[in-house]
Amino acid sequence: MSLKPKQEDFNVLYIDDEQANLALFRRLFGHEVHLLTVANNVEARNILSKEEIHLLIIDQRMPEETGLDFIEAISDEYPLCAKVVLTAYADRQVMRKAFQTNKILDFILKPFEEEDMREVFRRAQDVYRERLQQAKINQNYENLVHDLGQDLGGHALEAREMIGSQGGLKPLIEKVSRISSHSPDSTVLILGESGTGKELIARALHAQSPRRNQPFIAVNCPAIAESLWESELFGHEKGAFSNAHKRKLGRFELADKGTLFLDEIGELPENLQVKLLRILQERTFERVGGTKTLKVDVRVITATNRSLEAEVRSGRFRQDLYYRLNVVPLVVPALRDRAQDVPDLLNHFLKISNKKTGKNCTIAPETLEALGRYAWPGNIRELENLVERAVVLSDHDTLGLEDLKVDFSIPPPLIDTCGQIAWEDFPEDGGQPLRSQIRSDEVEKYKNVLKQARGNISEAARLLGIHRRTLTDRLRKADLI
């Protein structure tokens, strides 16, 4: 079978100091590939600097340097190019060394068979495509690491690793790396308080998975009206309801072959839970108003700041769905549990706010030390908002606690064994319900936050880093509204 790609599709550079060998190569393969031939390594370097070469073939015995030495010298600069050495001398030691370096595709003895060389062409095309795809993946991932690292305070670990810091996030980073290596398609439940960066962890899981080049679709569950939930997740057909003027693809279809991230899954309406369970089990669904069963290949990652175990006990969340989602749990630590990261995060957000406002504010050292002891009920989101507000409103360059307006009387939330805020109402050690034990502290906390927000519930929710609906529900439980 003869390989005859279009000339512009496959560029081959052949280097040999014997003109007869160059002429033979042109006669045999010049009509099949875009072939460039040169008689010395200097010309070869010149071509490599100007042309995109997919396959480089060089004679081992060249006057300036051996073929292997030439490949060794240019490999780092041209890593995508496949490289082959031709020789008339079967030096086993040289051949063994060549393959051990992992920098050549093949070592071919002269005289070669035409079909053997065409097989080399085919292999080189595959190698080049694979390397090009991997290079794009690496670049996309490095860009993502940079972006996510900026969102978490500019911390990024070594290349090929995940976002995070060398401090409080390190155990989480190690877990994510293990999941990506050993269980890249497993359903993951990310637990943690609001504002801790759960979506960033979900994006990092996607970036390290085999689905990295496919869509990552994020859904904020509390932001979707209950009447629109089914259409948003599964799509609808034209005419399915009064405003369905055309077919709409749901989030599951949009995420096909990729990852679907469902944030605050505890807010999912009960009637949708059974449909989500079905798609997790069977990977099939129907659009609203449709009769055709559709199949998707989607990895599902969910996140919550609630205790789903408590939701199951209360009957608000299906037990079978909980077990389907909780295959691999990850707990994102609260900011108060990684106080060593606070100074870097503060300085990062300070740079951003200074750039926005044109100011040159700094934070007093004693302020940094004090903020390391603050509970941060709203986590990173609260920290970001405090810094931005202080920079905008301050009339001096050095920010103190009075500028940041941090209320140290706000107690940290009580955390359950899963690392989630313990809002549930169940007995502990046979005593009173947990809610009644912490009720006075919670009431004071909400009073303080509402006072700081001047009674504005939306502003109070923003300060706490939680959804307005969630805060409203908690205020009712605390008898504050």
Protein backbone atom coordinates (compact mmCIF):
# COMPACT_ATOMS: atom_id res chain seq x y z
CA MET A 1 0.00 0.00 0.00
CA SER A 2 1.53 3.29 -1.11
CA LEU A 3 1.32 6.40 1.03
CA LYS A 4 0.39 9.39 -1.10
CA PRO A 5 -0.69 12.32 1.05
CA LYS A 6 -0.95 15.78 -0.43
CA GLN A 7 2.44 17.47 -0.47
CA GLU A 8 1.36 20.24 1.89
CA ASP A 9 0.14 17.68 4.44
CA PHE A 10 3.45 16.02 5.28
CA ASN A 11 6.88 17.64 5.22
CA VAL A 12 9.96 15.42 5.19
CA LEU A 13 13.54 16.70 5.52
CA TYR A 14 16.25 14.28 4.35
CA ILE A 15 19.90 15.05 5.27
CA ASP A 16 22.76 13.16 3.58
CA ASP A 17 26.20 14.31 2.36
CA GLU A 18 26.02 11.91 -0.62
CA GLN A 19 24.29 13.56 -3.58
CA ALA A 20 23.47 10.17 -5.10
CA ASN A 21 21.51 9.22 -1.98
CA LEU A 22 19.60 12.50 -2.07
CA ALA A 23 18.75 11.99 -5.74
CA LEU A 24 17.54 8.43 -5.06
CA PHE A 25 15.32 9.59 -2.21
CA ARG A 26 13.80 12.33 -4.39
CA ARG A 27 13.11 9.84 -7.19
CA LEU A 28 11.47 7.30 -4.89
CA PHE A 29 9.38 9.57 -2.64
CA GLY A 30 9.36 13.09 -4.04
CA HIS A 31 5.93 12.57 -5.61
CA GLU A 32 4.42 11.18 -2.39
CA VAL A 33 5.48 13.71 0.25
CA HIS A 34 6.65 17.29 0.41
CA LEU A 35 10.34 16.42 0.40
CA LEU A 36 13.25 18.73 1.17
CA THR A 37 16.81 17.45 0.81
CA VAL A 38 20.07 19.01 2.02
CA ALA A 39 23.69 17.85 2.11
CA ASN A 40 24.80 19.32 5.44
CA ASN A 41 23.56 20.10 8.93
CA VAL A 42 23.90 23.86 8.57
CA GLU A 43 21.35 23.92 5.74
CA ALA A 44 19.19 21.54 7.72
CA ARG A 45 19.07 23.93 10.69
CA ASN A 46 18.15 26.77 8.36
CA ILE A 47 15.20 24.80 6.97
CA LEU A 48 14.06 23.70 10.42
CA SER A 49 13.94 27.34 11.52
CA LYS A 50 11.67 28.28 8.58
CA GLU A 51 9.59 25.20 7.77
CA GLU A 52 7.29 22.98 9.82
CA ILE A 53 8.98 19.60 9.46
CA HIS A 54 6.98 16.50 10.38
CA LEU A 55 9.71 13.91 9.76
CA LEU A 56 13.50 14.37 9.79
CA ILE A 57 15.70 11.62 8.29
CA ILE A 58 19.47 11.92 8.63
CA ASP A 59 22.44 9.75 7.71
CA GLN A 60 24.44 8.69 10.77
CA ARG A 61 27.86 9.40 9.24
CA MET A 62 27.84 13.12 8.47
CA PRO A 63 31.09 15.16 8.23
CA GLU A 64 30.14 17.88 10.75
CA GLU A 65 28.55 15.69 13.44
CA THR A 66 26.86 12.31 13.56
CA GLY A 67 23.17 12.00 12.85
CA LEU A 68 22.49 11.10 16.48
CA ASP A 69 24.46 14.09 17.74
CA PHE A 70 22.49 16.35 15.41
CA ILE A 71 19.19 14.94 16.66
CA GLU A 72 20.34 15.32 20.26
CA ALA A 73 21.16 18.98 19.59
CA ILE A 74 17.85 19.94 17.96
CA SER A 75 15.34 17.68 19.77
CA ASP A 76 14.37 20.12 22.52
CA GLU A 77 13.86 22.92 20.02
CA TYR A 78 11.74 20.79 17.65
CA PRO A 79 9.97 18.25 19.90
CA LEU A 80 7.02 17.56 17.57
CA CYS A 81 9.14 16.36 14.66
CA ALA A 82 9.66 12.59 14.35
CA LYS A 83 13.33 11.70 13.77
CA VAL A 84 14.92 8.74 11.95
CA VAL A 85 18.59 7.76 11.51
CA LEU A 86 19.89 5.96 8.40
CA THR A 87 23.14 3.99 8.51
CA ALA A 88 25.04 1.45 6.49
CA TYR A 89 26.76 0.15 9.60
CA ALA A 90 24.91 -1.97 12.15
CA ASP A 91 26.56 -0.72 15.32
CA ARG A 92 24.48 -2.34 18.06
CA GLN A 93 25.89 -0.17 20.81
CA VAL A 94 25.05 3.01 18.91
CA MET A 95 21.56 1.71 18.08
CA ARG A 96 20.91 0.78 21.71
CA LYS A 97 22.01 4.23 22.88
CA ALA A 98 19.82 5.86 20.23
CA PHE A 99 16.66 4.13 21.40
CA GLN A 100 17.45 4.67 25.07
CA THR A 101 17.42 8.44 24.55
CA ASN A 102 13.79 8.13 23.38
CA LYS A 103 14.46 10.87 20.81
CA ILE A 104 14.33 8.84 17.59
CA LEU A 105 11.46 7.07 15.90
CA ASP A 106 13.59 4.44 14.16
CA PHE A 107 17.12 3.38 13.19
CA ILE A 108 17.09 2.07 9.57
CA LEU A 109 19.87 0.11 7.86
CA LYS A 110 20.92 0.85 4.28
CA PRO A 111 19.95 -0.26 1.76
CA PHE A 112 16.31 0.12 2.83
CA GLU A 113 13.15 -1.27 1.26
CA GLU A 114 10.77 1.30 -0.23
CA GLU A 115 7.76 -0.10 1.61
CA ASP A 116 9.67 -0.07 4.89
CA MET A 117 10.31 3.64 4.41
CA ARG A 118 6.65 4.25 3.58
CA GLU A 119 5.73 2.52 6.82
CA VAL A 120 8.08 4.95 8.59
CA PHE A 121 6.20 7.81 6.91
CA ARG A 122 2.88 6.47 8.21
CA ARG A 123 4.21 6.03 11.74
CA ALA A 124 5.75 9.49 11.68
CA GLN A 125 2.43 11.05 10.72
CA ASP A 126 0.74 9.36 13.67
CA VAL A 127 3.53 10.38 16.04
CA TYR A 128 3.39 13.99 14.87
CA ARG A 129 -0.40 14.18 15.31
CA GLU A 130 -0.20 12.66 18.79
CA ARG A 131 2.58 15.04 19.85
CA LEU A 132 0.74 18.04 18.41
CA GLN A 133 -2.45 17.09 20.25
CA GLN A 134 -0.53 16.57 23.49
CA ALA A 135 1.23 19.90 23.07
CA LYS A 136 -2.14 21.65 22.68
CA ILE A 137 -3.47 19.83 25.74
CA ASN A 138 -0.40 20.85 27.73
CA GLN A 139 -0.74 24.48 26.69
CA ASN A 140 -4.47 24.55 27.45
CA TYR A 141 -3.83 22.98 30.82
CA GLU A 142 -1.01 25.37 31.67
CA ASN A 143 -3.29 28.28 30.77
CA LEU A 144 -5.99 26.81 33.01
CA VAL A 145 -3.52 26.27 35.85
CA HIS A 146 -2.47 29.90 35.54
CA ASP A 147 -6.06 31.18 35.48
CA LEU A 148 -7.19 29.00 38.37
CA GLY A 149 -4.04 29.83 40.28
CA GLN A 150 -4.79 33.52 39.87
CA ASP A 151 -8.30 32.93 41.20
CA LEU A 152 -6.87 31.22 44.27
CA GLY A 153 -4.24 33.84 44.93
CA GLY A 154 -1.72 33.23 42.20
CA HIS A 155 -0.59 29.90 43.65
CA ALA A 156 0.28 27.25 41.10
CA LEU A 157 2.27 24.09 41.65
CA GLU A 158 4.81 22.66 39.24
CA ALA A 159 3.78 22.13 35.63
CA ARG A 160 1.37 19.21 35.09
CA GLU A 161 -0.01 19.57 38.63
CA MET A 162 -3.17 21.21 39.85
CA ILE A 163 -4.01 24.59 41.18
CA GLY A 164 -3.50 25.25 44.86
CA SER A 165 -0.98 26.46 47.38
CA GLN A 166 1.90 24.83 49.15
CA GLY A 167 -0.04 25.36 52.38
CA GLY A 168 -3.59 24.50 53.35
CA LEU A 169 -4.71 23.13 49.98
CA LYS A 170 -1.86 20.67 49.56
CA PRO A 171 -3.72 17.57 50.90
CA LEU A 172 -6.67 18.35 48.61
CA ILE A 173 -4.34 18.79 45.63
CA GLU A 174 -2.77 15.41 46.29
CA LYS A 175 -6.23 13.77 46.39
CA VAL A 176 -7.26 15.39 43.12
CA SER A 177 -4.05 14.16 41.50
CA ARG A 178 -4.74 10.61 42.69
CA ILE A 179 -8.30 10.74 41.35
CA SER A 180 -7.07 12.02 38.00
CA SER A 181 -4.49 9.23 37.78
CA HIS A 182 -6.53 6.26 38.98
CA SER A 183 -10.20 7.12 38.52
CA PRO A 184 -10.54 9.91 35.92
CA ASP A 185 -14.20 9.26 35.08
CA SER A 186 -15.58 8.71 38.59
CA THR A 187 -18.45 10.82 39.85
CA VAL A 188 -17.10 13.28 42.43
CA LEU A 189 -18.98 15.08 45.20
CA ILE A 190 -17.17 18.24 46.32
CA LEU A 191 -18.05 19.33 49.84
CA GLY A 192 -17.31 22.69 51.36
CA GLU A 193 -18.67 26.00 52.52
CA SER A 194 -19.71 28.70 50.06
CA GLY A 195 -16.87 30.76 48.70
CA THR A 196 -14.13 28.12 49.10
CA GLY A 197 -13.57 27.54 45.36
CA LYS A 198 -15.47 24.30 44.72
CA GLU A 199 -15.97 25.10 41.03
CA LEU A 200 -12.24 25.70 40.61
CA ILE A 201 -11.56 22.21 41.93
CA ALA A 202 -14.18 20.79 39.54
CA ARG A 203 -12.51 22.56 36.61
CA ALA A 204 -9.14 21.21 37.67
CA LEU A 205 -10.55 17.66 37.81
CA HIS A 206 -11.86 18.13 34.28
CA ALA A 207 -8.55 19.60 33.07
CA GLN A 208 -6.61 16.54 34.24
CA SER A 209 -9.09 14.00 32.86
CA PRO A 210 -9.17 12.36 29.39
CA ARG A 211 -12.16 14.64 28.69
CA ARG A 212 -10.01 17.77 28.95
CA ASN A 213 -10.57 18.77 25.31
CA GLN A 214 -14.35 18.33 25.57
CA PRO A 215 -16.90 20.77 27.10
CA PHE A 216 -17.02 21.70 30.77
CA ILE A 217 -20.58 22.84 31.51
CA ALA A 218 -21.25 24.44 34.91
CA VAL A 219 -24.77 24.77 36.33
CA ASN A 220 -25.53 26.87 39.40
CA CYS A 221 -28.56 25.03 40.76
CA PRO A 222 -30.01 27.82 42.99
CA ALA A 223 -29.93 30.27 40.07
CA ILE A 224 -32.44 28.29 37.99
CA ALA A 225 -36.17 28.72 38.56
CA GLU A 226 -37.81 25.44 39.55
CA SER A 227 -40.20 25.61 36.56
CA LEU A 228 -37.24 25.74 34.15
CA TRP A 229 -35.13 23.02 35.71
CA GLU A 230 -36.15 20.11 33.48
CA SER A 231 -35.75 22.15 30.30
CA GLU A 232 -32.35 23.47 31.41
CA LEU A 233 -30.96 20.03 32.21
CA PHE A 234 -32.56 17.92 29.48
CA GLY A 235 -33.64 20.42 26.82
CA HIS A 236 -37.01 20.63 25.08
CA GLU A 237 -38.60 20.13 21.69
CA LYS A 238 -40.31 22.86 19.70
CA GLY A 239 -43.86 23.30 20.95
CA ALA A 240 -43.26 21.44 24.21
CA PHE A 241 -44.82 24.40 26.07
CA SER A 242 -46.09 27.88 25.26
CA ASN A 243 -42.73 29.64 24.87
CA ALA A 244 -40.91 26.71 23.25
CA HIS A 245 -40.55 28.29 19.80
CA LYS A 246 -37.64 26.06 18.81
CA ARG A 247 -35.75 23.02 20.00
CA LYS A 248 -33.33 23.66 22.87
CA LEU A 249 -30.44 21.42 23.87
CA GLY A 250 -30.11 20.80 27.59
CA ARG A 251 -26.96 20.96 29.67
CA PHE A 252 -26.45 17.19 29.47
CA GLU A 253 -26.38 17.27 25.67
CA LEU A 254 -24.09 20.28 25.67
CA ALA A 255 -21.70 18.44 27.98
CA ASP A 256 -21.65 15.22 25.91
CA LYS A 257 -18.17 13.60 25.99
CA GLY A 258 -17.18 16.20 28.59
CA THR A 259 -18.00 17.13 32.19
CA LEU A 260 -21.19 18.50 33.75
CA PHE A 261 -20.71 20.36 37.03
CA LEU A 262 -23.83 20.78 39.19
CA ASP A 263 -23.07 23.36 41.88
CA GLU A 264 -25.14 23.33 45.09
CA ILE A 265 -26.79 20.04 44.16
CA GLY A 266 -28.68 20.12 47.46
CA GLU A 267 -30.97 22.75 45.88
CA LEU A 268 -32.17 20.31 43.18
CA PRO A 269 -35.99 19.96 43.31
CA GLU A 270 -37.18 16.57 44.46
CA ASN A 271 -39.04 15.80 41.21
CA LEU A 272 -35.78 16.27 39.27
CA GLN A 273 -33.77 14.02 41.55
CA VAL A 274 -35.29 10.83 40.16
CA LYS A 275 -34.55 11.94 36.59
CA LEU A 276 -30.97 12.76 37.49
CA LEU A 277 -30.68 9.33 39.11
CA ARG A 278 -31.86 7.70 35.90
CA ILE A 279 -29.33 9.49 33.72
CA LEU A 280 -26.54 8.61 36.12
CA GLN A 281 -27.56 4.96 36.00
CA GLU A 282 -28.44 4.56 32.34
CA ARG A 283 -26.93 7.65 30.64
CA THR A 284 -30.21 8.15 28.78
CA PHE A 285 -32.95 10.82 28.88
CA GLU A 286 -35.67 12.47 26.80
CA ARG A 287 -36.08 16.16 26.02
CA VAL A 288 -39.20 17.82 27.41
CA GLY A 289 -41.97 17.18 24.88
CA GLY A 290 -39.91 14.57 23.08
CA THR A 291 -40.30 10.81 22.65
CA LYS A 292 -36.82 9.89 21.44
CA THR A 293 -34.49 8.46 24.06
CA LEU A 294 -31.08 10.11 23.84
CA LYS A 295 -27.80 8.70 25.13
CA VAL A 296 -24.93 10.79 26.46
CA ASP A 297 -21.42 10.17 27.75
CA VAL A 298 -20.97 12.70 30.55
CA ARG A 299 -18.87 12.77 33.69
CA VAL A 300 -20.88 14.35 36.51
CA ILE A 301 -19.23 16.37 39.27
CA THR A 302 -21.42 17.91 41.95
CA ALA A 303 -20.83 20.28 44.84
CA THR A 304 -22.73 21.33 47.93
CA ASN A 305 -22.38 23.40 51.08
CA ARG A 306 -25.11 21.36 52.76
CA SER A 307 -24.91 18.05 54.57
CA LEU A 308 -26.60 15.74 52.06
CA GLU A 309 -26.73 13.04 54.74
CA ALA A 310 -28.96 15.33 56.80
CA GLU A 311 -31.04 16.14 53.71
CA VAL A 312 -31.52 12.41 53.18
CA ARG A 313 -32.60 11.94 56.82
CA SER A 314 -35.09 14.78 56.49
CA GLY A 315 -36.55 13.28 53.30
CA ARG A 316 -35.54 16.22 51.08
CA PHE A 317 -32.89 14.30 49.14
CA ARG A 318 -33.10 10.79 47.71
CA GLN A 319 -30.85 8.30 49.42
CA ASP A 320 -30.15 6.35 46.20
CA LEU A 321 -29.15 9.55 44.41
CA TYR A 322 -26.87 10.53 47.30
CA TYR A 323 -25.00 7.23 47.01
CA ARG A 324 -24.73 7.67 43.24
CA LEU A 325 -23.20 11.13 43.67
CA ASN A 326 -20.97 10.32 46.64
CA VAL A 327 -18.66 7.91 44.81
CA VAL A 328 -15.53 9.98 45.45
CA PRO A 329 -15.97 12.77 48.06
CA LEU A 330 -13.61 15.74 48.28
CA VAL A 331 -13.68 18.32 51.07
CA VAL A 332 -12.46 21.83 50.23
CA PRO A 333 -11.07 23.40 53.40
CA ALA A 334 -12.51 26.65 54.70
CA LEU A 335 -10.23 29.67 54.67
CA ARG A 336 -9.97 29.72 58.47
CA ASP A 337 -8.46 26.22 58.23
CA ARG A 338 -5.65 27.42 55.97
CA ALA A 339 -4.78 30.70 57.60
CA GLN A 340 -1.24 30.50 56.19
CA ASP A 341 -2.72 31.32 52.77
CA VAL A 342 -4.49 34.50 53.92
CA PRO A 343 -1.55 36.94 53.42
CA ASP A 344 -0.94 35.80 49.84
CA LEU A 345 -4.64 35.93 49.03
CA LEU A 346 -4.95 39.40 50.53
CA ASN A 347 -2.01 40.70 48.54
CA HIS A 348 -3.34 39.11 45.36
CA PHE A 349 -6.75 40.74 45.67
CA LEU A 350 -5.08 43.98 46.72
CA LYS A 351 -3.14 44.05 43.43
CA ILE A 352 -6.33 43.49 41.48
CA SER A 353 -8.21 46.26 43.31
CA ASN A 354 -5.27 48.67 43.00
CA LYS A 355 -5.19 48.04 39.27
CA LYS A 356 -8.93 48.66 38.95
CA THR A 357 -8.88 51.88 40.95
CA GLY A 358 -5.46 53.25 40.04
CA LYS A 359 -4.48 53.33 43.71
CA ASN A 360 -1.41 52.00 45.48
CA CYS A 361 -2.81 50.67 48.75
CA THR A 362 -0.93 48.34 51.06
CA ILE A 363 -2.00 46.37 54.15
CA ALA A 364 -0.36 47.06 57.49
CA PRO A 365 1.65 44.06 58.85
CA GLU A 366 -0.33 44.03 62.10
CA THR A 367 -3.53 43.90 60.04
CA LEU A 368 -2.26 40.86 58.11
CA GLU A 369 -1.45 39.12 61.39
CA ALA A 370 -4.88 39.86 62.86
CA LEU A 371 -6.72 38.71 59.73
CA GLY A 372 -4.99 35.35 60.01
CA ARG A 373 -7.04 34.79 63.18
CA TYR A 374 -10.37 35.85 61.66
CA ALA A 375 -13.02 33.15 61.08
CA TRP A 376 -13.84 34.18 57.46
CA PRO A 377 -17.44 32.90 57.39
CA GLY A 378 -17.68 33.89 53.72
CA ASN A 379 -14.27 32.37 52.87
CA ILE A 380 -12.27 33.59 49.85
CA ARG A 381 -15.27 35.41 48.38
CA GLU A 382 -15.66 37.43 51.59
CA LEU A 383 -11.94 38.23 51.62
CA GLU A 384 -12.07 39.44 48.02
CA ASN A 385 -15.10 41.65 48.69
CA LEU A 386 -13.56 43.14 51.85
CA VAL A 387 -10.35 44.10 50.06
CA GLU A 388 -12.13 45.62 47.07
CA ARG A 389 -14.46 47.66 49.28
CA ALA A 390 -11.57 48.87 51.48
CA VAL A 391 -9.51 50.01 48.50
CA VAL A 392 -12.47 51.81 46.89
CA LEU A 393 -13.55 53.62 50.07
CA SER A 394 -10.23 54.29 51.80
CA ASP A 395 -8.75 57.79 51.64
CA HIS A 396 -5.25 56.64 52.67
CA ASP A 397 -2.74 54.13 51.30
CA THR A 398 -2.17 51.83 54.28
CA LEU A 399 -5.23 49.72 55.10
CA GLY A 400 -5.97 48.77 58.69
CA LEU A 401 -8.71 46.73 60.34
CA GLU A 402 -10.92 49.81 60.50
CA ASP A 403 -10.78 49.99 56.68
CA LEU A 404 -11.58 46.33 56.17
CA LYS A 405 -14.40 46.48 58.75
CA VAL A 406 -13.94 42.92 59.95
CA ASP A 407 -16.19 41.94 62.85
CA PHE A 408 -14.17 39.56 65.03
CA SER A 409 -17.25 38.85 67.14
CA ILE A 410 -18.71 36.66 64.37
CA PRO A 411 -18.07 33.06 65.45
CA PRO A 412 -16.93 30.44 62.97
CA PRO A 413 -19.68 28.07 61.74
CA LEU A 414 -19.98 24.72 63.45
CA ILE A 415 -18.65 22.07 61.07
CA ASP A 416 -19.83 18.49 60.87
CA THR A 417 -17.64 15.44 60.27
CA CYS A 418 -18.02 15.77 56.50
CA GLY A 419 -16.54 19.23 56.55
CA GLN A 420 -19.88 20.93 55.91
CA ILE A 421 -21.74 23.57 57.89
CA ALA A 422 -23.90 21.70 60.37
CA TRP A 423 -27.36 23.18 59.89
CA GLU A 424 -29.16 19.89 60.38
CA ASP A 425 -31.46 19.19 63.27
CA PHE A 426 -30.51 15.85 64.84
CA PRO A 427 -29.55 14.78 68.36
CA GLU A 428 -25.89 14.60 69.28
CA ASP A 429 -24.85 12.07 71.96
CA GLY A 430 -28.47 11.76 73.04
CA GLY A 431 -28.64 15.42 73.99
CA GLN A 432 -30.53 18.35 72.60
CA PRO A 433 -30.86 18.89 68.86
CA LEU A 434 -27.67 20.40 67.42
CA ARG A 435 -29.56 23.41 66.08
CA SER A 436 -30.72 24.39 69.56
CA GLN A 437 -27.14 24.07 70.86
CA ILE A 438 -25.78 26.60 68.36
CA ARG A 439 -28.90 28.71 67.93
CA SER A 440 -27.75 31.66 70.05
CA ASP A 441 -24.40 31.85 68.25
CA GLU A 442 -26.05 31.66 64.86
CA VAL A 443 -28.58 34.34 65.79
CA GLU A 444 -25.80 36.69 66.87
CA LYS A 445 -23.82 35.98 63.74
CA TYR A 446 -26.75 36.83 61.47
CA LYS A 447 -27.61 39.91 63.51
CA ASN A 448 -24.06 41.19 63.10
CA VAL A 449 -23.96 40.50 59.37
CA LEU A 450 -27.38 42.08 58.82
CA LYS A 451 -26.26 45.11 60.81
CA GLN A 452 -23.14 45.38 58.67
CA ALA A 453 -25.31 45.09 55.54
CA ARG A 454 -27.80 47.65 56.97
CA GLY A 455 -30.63 45.13 56.76
CA ASN A 456 -30.06 44.30 53.09
CA ILE A 457 -30.39 40.49 52.81
CA SER A 458 -28.74 40.36 49.37
CA GLU A 459 -25.74 42.27 50.69
CA ALA A 460 -25.60 40.07 53.80
CA ALA A 461 -25.64 36.95 51.59
CA ARG A 462 -22.81 38.42 49.53
CA LEU A 463 -20.76 39.12 52.64
CA LEU A 464 -21.27 35.55 53.84
CA GLY A 465 -20.60 34.14 50.38
CA ILE A 466 -23.87 32.21 50.18
CA HIS A 467 -26.93 32.39 47.97
CA ARG A 468 -29.70 34.82 48.99
CA ARG A 469 -32.27 32.02 49.08
CA THR A 470 -30.03 29.99 51.40
CA LEU A 471 -29.56 32.94 53.75
CA THR A 472 -33.29 33.69 53.77
CA ASP A 473 -33.99 30.10 54.78
CA ARG A 474 -31.45 30.28 57.60
CA LEU A 475 -32.78 33.63 58.83
CA ARG A 476 -36.24 32.08 59.08
CA LYS A 477 -34.80 29.17 61.06
CA ALA A 478 -33.15 31.69 63.37
CA ASP A 479 -36.48 33.58 63.71
CA LEU A 480 -34.90 36.77 62.36
CA ILE A 481 -37.44 37.29 59.55
